[in-house]
Amino acid sequence: MDLSALALGLATLGVSIGEGILVAAYLNGTARQPELQSKLMSGVFLGVAFIEGTFFVTLAMTFLFRG
């Protein structure tokens, strides 16, 4: 079994869970204080960028250490 496929699948799972939690927190914060929507949205974009960046680093490491 190729472990790089497993590593990539786990990374994708982590990204999906992380983005789901982030969006749920954004929606909860927007529902509580709608006037802060623009400030919260910039935080969401920054969070998604870091989460996706982690995935792309994992993707690069998977292909780098694939052998």
PDB file of N, CA and C in Angstrom:
ATOM      1  N   MET A   1       0.846  -1.194   0.000  1.00  0.00           N
ATOM      2  CA  MET A   1       0.000   0.000   0.000  1.00  0.00           C
ATOM      3  C   MET A   1       0.885   1.248   0.000  1.00  0.00           C
ATOM      4  N   ASP A   2       0.511   2.195  -0.802  1.00  0.00           N
ATOM      5  CA  ASP A   2       1.259   3.440  -0.892  1.00  0.00           C
ATOM      6  C   ASP A   2       0.809   4.379   0.227  1.00  0.00           C
ATOM      7  N   LEU A   3       1.727   4.714   1.126  1.00  0.00           N
ATOM      8  CA  LEU A   3       1.374   5.560   2.265  1.00  0.00           C
ATOM      9  C   LEU A   3       1.177   7.020   1.879  1.00  0.00           C
ATOM     10  N   SER A   4       1.664   7.417   0.702  1.00  0.00           N
ATOM     11  CA  SER A   4       1.477   8.806   0.294  1.00  0.00           C
ATOM     12  C   SER A   4      -0.002   9.086   0.018  1.00  0.00           C
ATOM     13  N   ALA A   5      -0.716   8.104  -0.490  1.00  0.00           N
ATOM     14  CA  ALA A   5      -2.148   8.285  -0.727  1.00  0.00           C
ATOM     15  C   ALA A   5      -2.886   8.418   0.595  1.00  0.00           C
ATOM     16  N   LEU A   6      -2.468   7.651   1.592  1.00  0.00           N
ATOM     17  CA  LEU A   6      -3.084   7.748   2.916  1.00  0.00           C
ATOM     18  C   LEU A   6      -2.797   9.105   3.559  1.00  0.00           C
ATOM     19  N   ALA A   7      -1.565   9.559   3.432  1.00  0.00           N
ATOM     20  CA  ALA A   7      -1.185  10.861   3.989  1.00  0.00           C
ATOM     21  C   ALA A   7      -1.965  11.987   3.326  1.00  0.00           C
ATOM     22  N   LEU A   8      -2.127  11.892   2.025  1.00  0.00           N
ATOM     23  CA  LEU A   8      -2.866  12.919   1.302  1.00  0.00           C
ATOM     24  C   LEU A   8      -4.344  12.899   1.681  1.00  0.00           C
ATOM     25  N   GLY A   9      -4.889  11.716   1.859  1.00  0.00           N
ATOM     26  CA  GLY A   9      -6.282  11.603   2.289  1.00  0.00           C
ATOM     27  C   GLY A   9      -6.494  12.169   3.679  1.00  0.00           C
ATOM     28  N   LEU A  10      -5.576  11.905   4.598  1.00  0.00           N
ATOM     29  CA  LEU A  10      -5.688  12.462   5.945  1.00  0.00           C
ATOM     30  C   LEU A  10      -5.540  13.978   5.936  1.00  0.00           C
ATOM     31  N   ALA A  11      -4.661  14.491   5.088  1.00  0.00           N
ATOM     32  CA  ALA A  11      -4.501  15.940   4.977  1.00  0.00           C
ATOM     33  C   ALA A  11      -5.774  16.587   4.440  1.00  0.00           C
ATOM     34  N   THR A  12      -6.380  15.946   3.465  1.00  0.00           N
ATOM     35  CA  THR A  12      -7.628  16.469   2.914  1.00  0.00           C
ATOM     36  C   THR A  12      -8.745  16.434   3.952  1.00  0.00           C
ATOM     37  N   LEU A  13      -8.775  15.374   4.731  1.00  0.00           N
ATOM     38  CA  LEU A  13      -9.768  15.273   5.798  1.00  0.00           C
ATOM     39  C   LEU A  13      -9.569  16.386   6.825  1.00  0.00           C
ATOM     40  N   GLY A  14      -8.319  16.631   7.192  1.00  0.00           N
ATOM     41  CA  GLY A  14      -8.026  17.692   8.149  1.00  0.00           C
ATOM     42  C   GLY A  14      -8.398  19.067   7.633  1.00  0.00           C
ATOM     43  N   VAL A  15      -8.137  19.309   6.361  1.00  0.00           N
ATOM     44  CA  VAL A  15      -8.497  20.593   5.754  1.00  0.00           C
ATOM     45  C   VAL A  15     -10.010  20.784   5.758  1.00  0.00           C
ATOM     46  N   SER A  16     -10.731  19.739   5.419  1.00  0.00           N
ATOM     47  CA  SER A  16     -12.193  19.834   5.377  1.00  0.00           C
ATOM     48  C   SER A  16     -12.773  20.095   6.762  1.00  0.00           C
ATOM     49  N   ILE A  17     -12.271  19.402   7.753  1.00  0.00           N
ATOM     50  CA  ILE A  17     -12.757  19.604   9.122  1.00  0.00           C
ATOM     51  C   ILE A  17     -12.405  21.002   9.611  1.00  0.00           C
ATOM     52  N   GLY A  18     -11.168  21.434   9.346  1.00  0.00           N
ATOM     53  CA  GLY A  18     -10.740  22.761   9.788  1.00  0.00           C
ATOM     54  C   GLY A  18     -11.545  23.884   9.159  1.00  0.00           C
ATOM     55  N   GLU A  19     -11.789  23.778   7.861  1.00  0.00           N
ATOM     56  CA  GLU A  19     -12.582  24.814   7.197  1.00  0.00           C
ATOM     57  C   GLU A  19     -14.032  24.777   7.650  1.00  0.00           C
ATOM     58  N   GLY A  20     -14.557  23.616   7.924  1.00  0.00           N
ATOM     59  CA  GLY A  20     -15.920  23.511   8.437  1.00  0.00           C
ATOM     60  C   GLY A  20     -16.070  24.182   9.789  1.00  0.00           C
ATOM     61  N   ILE A  21     -15.110  23.950  10.670  1.00  0.00           N
ATOM     62  CA  ILE A  21     -15.135  24.585  11.992  1.00  0.00           C
ATOM     63  C   ILE A  21     -14.999  26.095  11.859  1.00  0.00           C
ATOM     64  N   LEU A  22     -14.118  26.535  10.963  1.00  0.00           N
ATOM     65  CA  LEU A  22     -13.905  27.968  10.758  1.00  0.00           C
ATOM     66  C   LEU A  22     -15.163  28.659  10.247  1.00  0.00           C
ATOM     67  N   VAL A  23     -15.817  28.062   9.266  1.00  0.00           N
ATOM     68  CA  VAL A  23     -17.029  28.669   8.705  1.00  0.00           C
ATOM     69  C   VAL A  23     -18.166  28.643   9.722  1.00  0.00           C
ATOM     70  N   ALA A  24     -18.254  27.577  10.508  1.00  0.00           N
ATOM     71  CA  ALA A  24     -19.291  27.517  11.545  1.00  0.00           C
ATOM     72  C   ALA A  24     -19.085  28.616  12.581  1.00  0.00           C
ATOM     73  N   ALA A  25     -17.832  28.860  12.963  1.00  0.00           N
ATOM     74  CA  ALA A  25     -17.552  29.926  13.919  1.00  0.00           C
ATOM     75  C   ALA A  25     -17.846  31.298  13.322  1.00  0.00           C
ATOM     76  N   TYR A  26     -17.544  31.464  12.034  1.00  0.00           N
ATOM     77  CA  TYR A  26     -17.856  32.732  11.362  1.00  0.00           C
ATOM     78  C   TYR A  26     -19.362  32.980  11.341  1.00  0.00           C
ATOM     79  N   LEU A  27     -20.118  31.965  10.972  1.00  0.00           N
ATOM     80  CA  LEU A  27     -21.572  32.128  10.926  1.00  0.00           C
ATOM     81  C   LEU A  27     -22.155  32.389  12.309  1.00  0.00           C
ATOM     82  N   ASN A  28     -21.607  31.736  13.315  1.00  0.00           N
ATOM     83  CA  ASN A  28     -22.068  31.971  14.674  1.00  0.00           C
ATOM     84  C   ASN A  28     -21.761  33.406  15.115  1.00  0.00           C
ATOM     85  N   GLY A  29     -20.549  33.873  14.806  1.00  0.00           N
ATOM     86  CA  GLY A  29     -20.188  35.243  15.165  1.00  0.00           C
ATOM     87  C   GLY A  29     -20.998  36.280  14.404  1.00  0.00           C
ATOM     88  N   THR A  30     -21.284  36.014  13.139  1.00  0.00           N
ATOM     89  CA  THR A  30     -22.087  36.934  12.343  1.00  0.00           C
ATOM     90  C   THR A  30     -23.530  36.966  12.827  1.00  0.00           C
ATOM     91  N   ALA A  31     -24.029  35.836  13.259  1.00  0.00           N
ATOM     92  CA  ALA A  31     -25.401  35.802  13.775  1.00  0.00           C
ATOM     93  C   ALA A  31     -25.512  36.577  15.084  1.00  0.00           C
ATOM     94  N   ARG A  32     -24.464  36.558  15.887  1.00  0.00           N
ATOM     95  CA  ARG A  32     -24.502  37.278  17.165  1.00  0.00           C
ATOM     96  C   ARG A  32     -24.301  38.778  16.986  1.00  0.00           C
ATOM     97  N   GLN A  33     -23.366  39.160  16.101  1.00  0.00           N
ATOM     98  CA  GLN A  33     -23.078  40.580  15.891  1.00  0.00           C
ATOM     99  C   GLN A  33     -22.925  40.856  14.400  1.00  0.00           C
ATOM    100  N   PRO A  34     -24.030  41.124  13.720  1.00  0.00           N
ATOM    101  CA  PRO A  34     -23.972  41.335  12.266  1.00  0.00           C
ATOM    102  C   PRO A  34     -23.127  42.540  11.848  1.00  0.00           C
ATOM    103  N   GLU A  35     -22.952  43.501  12.718  1.00  0.00           N
ATOM    104  CA  GLU A  35     -22.186  44.690  12.347  1.00  0.00           C
ATOM    105  C   GLU A  35     -20.684  44.390  12.222  1.00  0.00           C
ATOM    106  N   LEU A  36     -20.222  43.270  12.733  1.00  0.00           N
ATOM    107  CA  LEU A  36     -18.812  42.895  12.626  1.00  0.00           C
ATOM    108  C   LEU A  36     -18.531  41.959  11.455  1.00  0.00           C
ATOM    109  N   GLN A  37     -19.468  41.840  10.536  1.00  0.00           N
ATOM    110  CA  GLN A  37     -19.333  40.878   9.451  1.00  0.00           C
ATOM    111  C   GLN A  37     -18.074  41.107   8.617  1.00  0.00           C
ATOM    112  N   SER A  38     -17.764  42.352   8.297  1.00  0.00           N
ATOM    113  CA  SER A  38     -16.594  42.612   7.445  1.00  0.00           C
ATOM    114  C   SER A  38     -15.288  42.277   8.173  1.00  0.00           C
ATOM    115  N   LYS A  39     -15.206  42.571   9.460  1.00  0.00           N
ATOM    116  CA  LYS A  39     -14.004  42.225  10.224  1.00  0.00           C
ATOM    117  C   LYS A  39     -13.865  40.716  10.362  1.00  0.00           C
ATOM    118  N   LEU A  40     -14.970  40.045  10.579  1.00  0.00           N
ATOM    119  CA  LEU A  40     -14.921  38.587  10.702  1.00  0.00           C
ATOM    120  C   LEU A  40     -14.571  37.941   9.371  1.00  0.00           C
ATOM    121  N   MET A  41     -15.040  38.502   8.274  1.00  0.00           N
ATOM    122  CA  MET A  41     -14.772  37.919   6.967  1.00  0.00           C
ATOM    123  C   MET A  41     -13.279  37.964   6.638  1.00  0.00           C
ATOM    124  N   SER A  42     -12.599  39.043   7.004  1.00  0.00           N
ATOM    125  CA  SER A  42     -11.155  39.098   6.750  1.00  0.00           C
ATOM    126  C   SER A  42     -10.430  38.029   7.564  1.00  0.00           C
ATOM    127  N   GLY A  43     -10.893  37.756   8.756  1.00  0.00           N
ATOM    128  CA  GLY A  43     -10.319  36.675   9.551  1.00  0.00           C
ATOM    129  C   GLY A  43     -10.579  35.313   8.937  1.00  0.00           C
ATOM    130  N   VAL A  44     -11.744  35.150   8.334  1.00  0.00           N
ATOM    131  CA  VAL A  44     -12.067  33.886   7.665  1.00  0.00           C
ATOM    132  C   VAL A  44     -11.139  33.680   6.475  1.00  0.00           C
ATOM    133  N   PHE A  45     -10.921  34.711   5.672  1.00  0.00           N
ATOM    134  CA  PHE A  45     -10.021  34.581   4.527  1.00  0.00           C
ATOM    135  C   PHE A  45      -8.607  34.234   4.978  1.00  0.00           C
ATOM    136  N   LEU A  46      -8.147  34.864   6.043  1.00  0.00           N
ATOM    137  CA  LEU A  46      -6.819  34.579   6.559  1.00  0.00           C
ATOM    138  C   LEU A  46      -6.745  33.142   7.086  1.00  0.00           C
ATOM    139  N   GLY A  47      -7.777  32.712   7.792  1.00  0.00           N
ATOM    140  CA  GLY A  47      -7.814  31.345   8.308  1.00  0.00           C
ATOM    141  C   GLY A  47      -7.832  30.311   7.208  1.00  0.00           C
ATOM    142  N   VAL A  48      -8.640  30.538   6.187  1.00  0.00           N
ATOM    143  CA  VAL A  48      -8.699  29.603   5.068  1.00  0.00           C
ATOM    144  C   VAL A  48      -7.348  29.558   4.350  1.00  0.00           C
ATOM    145  N   ALA A  49      -6.685  30.693   4.232  1.00  0.00           N
ATOM    146  CA  ALA A  49      -5.374  30.719   3.583  1.00  0.00           C
ATOM    147  C   ALA A  49      -4.370  29.873   4.360  1.00  0.00           C
ATOM    148  N   PHE A  50      -4.371  29.972   5.689  1.00  0.00           N
ATOM    149  CA  PHE A  50      -3.449  29.167   6.486  1.00  0.00           C
ATOM    150  C   PHE A  50      -3.796  27.689   6.427  1.00  0.00           C
ATOM    151  N   ILE A  51      -5.084  27.367   6.459  1.00  0.00           N
ATOM    152  CA  ILE A  51      -5.498  25.969   6.387  1.00  0.00           C
ATOM    153  C   ILE A  51      -5.115  25.369   5.038  1.00  0.00           C
ATOM    154  N   GLU A  52      -5.397  26.078   3.961  1.00  0.00           N
ATOM    155  CA  GLU A  52      -5.033  25.587   2.634  1.00  0.00           C
ATOM    156  C   GLU A  52      -3.518  25.528   2.465  1.00  0.00           C
ATOM    157  N   GLY A  53      -2.812  26.475   3.056  1.00  0.00           N
ATOM    158  CA  GLY A  53      -1.351  26.447   2.995  1.00  0.00           C
ATOM    159  C   GLY A  53      -0.788  25.200   3.652  1.00  0.00           C
ATOM    160  N   THR A  54      -1.369  24.817   4.771  1.00  0.00           N
ATOM    161  CA  THR A  54      -0.954  23.587   5.432  1.00  0.00           C
ATOM    162  C   THR A  54      -1.187  22.385   4.535  1.00  0.00           C
ATOM    163  N   PHE A  55      -2.307  22.373   3.836  1.00  0.00           N
ATOM    164  CA  PHE A  55      -2.582  21.268   2.927  1.00  0.00           C
ATOM    165  C   PHE A  55      -1.567  21.218   1.798  1.00  0.00           C
ATOM    166  N   PHE A  56      -1.244  22.368   1.231  1.00  0.00           N
ATOM    167  CA  PHE A  56      -0.312  22.378   0.105  1.00  0.00           C
ATOM    168  C   PHE A  56       1.105  21.993   0.537  1.00  0.00           C
ATOM    169  N   VAL A  57       1.483  22.344   1.764  1.00  0.00           N
ATOM    170  CA  VAL A  57       2.777  21.888   2.280  1.00  0.00           C
ATOM    171  C   VAL A  57       2.761  20.377   2.430  1.00  0.00           C
ATOM    172  N   THR A  58       1.665  19.828   2.928  1.00  0.00           N
ATOM    173  CA  THR A  58       1.542  18.371   3.043  1.00  0.00           C
ATOM    174  C   THR A  58       1.581  17.714   1.674  1.00  0.00           C
ATOM    175  N   LEU A  59       0.917  18.324   0.703  1.00  0.00           N
ATOM    176  CA  LEU A  59       0.936  17.789  -0.656  1.00  0.00           C
ATOM    177  C   LEU A  59       2.363  17.790  -1.217  1.00  0.00           C
ATOM    178  N   ALA A  60       3.081  18.862  -1.002  1.00  0.00           N
ATOM    179  CA  ALA A  60       4.457  18.938  -1.488  1.00  0.00           C
ATOM    180  C   ALA A  60       5.349  17.917  -0.800  1.00  0.00           C
ATOM    181  N   MET A  61       5.193  17.770   0.501  1.00  0.00           N
ATOM    182  CA  MET A  61       5.997  16.790   1.241  1.00  0.00           C
ATOM    183  C   MET A  61       5.658  15.365   0.812  1.00  0.00           C
ATOM    184  N   THR A  62       4.415  15.130   0.486  1.00  0.00           N
ATOM    185  CA  THR A  62       4.021  13.794   0.046  1.00  0.00           C
ATOM    186  C   THR A  62       4.740  13.434  -1.239  1.00  0.00           C
ATOM    187  N   PHE A  63       4.784  14.348  -2.189  1.00  0.00           N
ATOM    188  CA  PHE A  63       5.468  14.068  -3.450  1.00  0.00           C
ATOM    189  C   PHE A  63       6.995  14.098  -3.285  1.00  0.00           C
ATOM    190  N   LEU A  64       7.485  14.901  -2.351  1.00  0.00           N
ATOM    191  CA  LEU A  64       8.922  14.998  -2.137  1.00  0.00           C
ATOM    192  C   LEU A  64       9.476  13.710  -1.535  1.00  0.00           C
ATOM    193  N   PHE A  65       8.775  13.172  -0.536  1.00  0.00           N
ATOM    194  CA  PHE A  65       9.249  11.981   0.164  1.00  0.00           C
ATOM    195  C   PHE A  65       8.688  10.686  -0.419  1.00  0.00           C
ATOM    196  N   ARG A  66       8.046  10.787  -1.542  1.00  0.00           N
ATOM    197  CA  ARG A  66       7.440   9.601  -2.152  1.00  0.00           C
ATOM    198  C   ARG A  66       8.470   8.568  -2.570  1.00  0.00           C
ATOM    199  N   GLY A  67       9.623   9.034  -2.891  1.00  0.00           N
ATOM    200  CA  GLY A  67      10.692   8.083  -3.203  1.00  0.00           C
ATOM    201  C   GLY A  67      10.896   8.004  -4.636  1.00  0.00           C
TER     202      GLY A  67
END
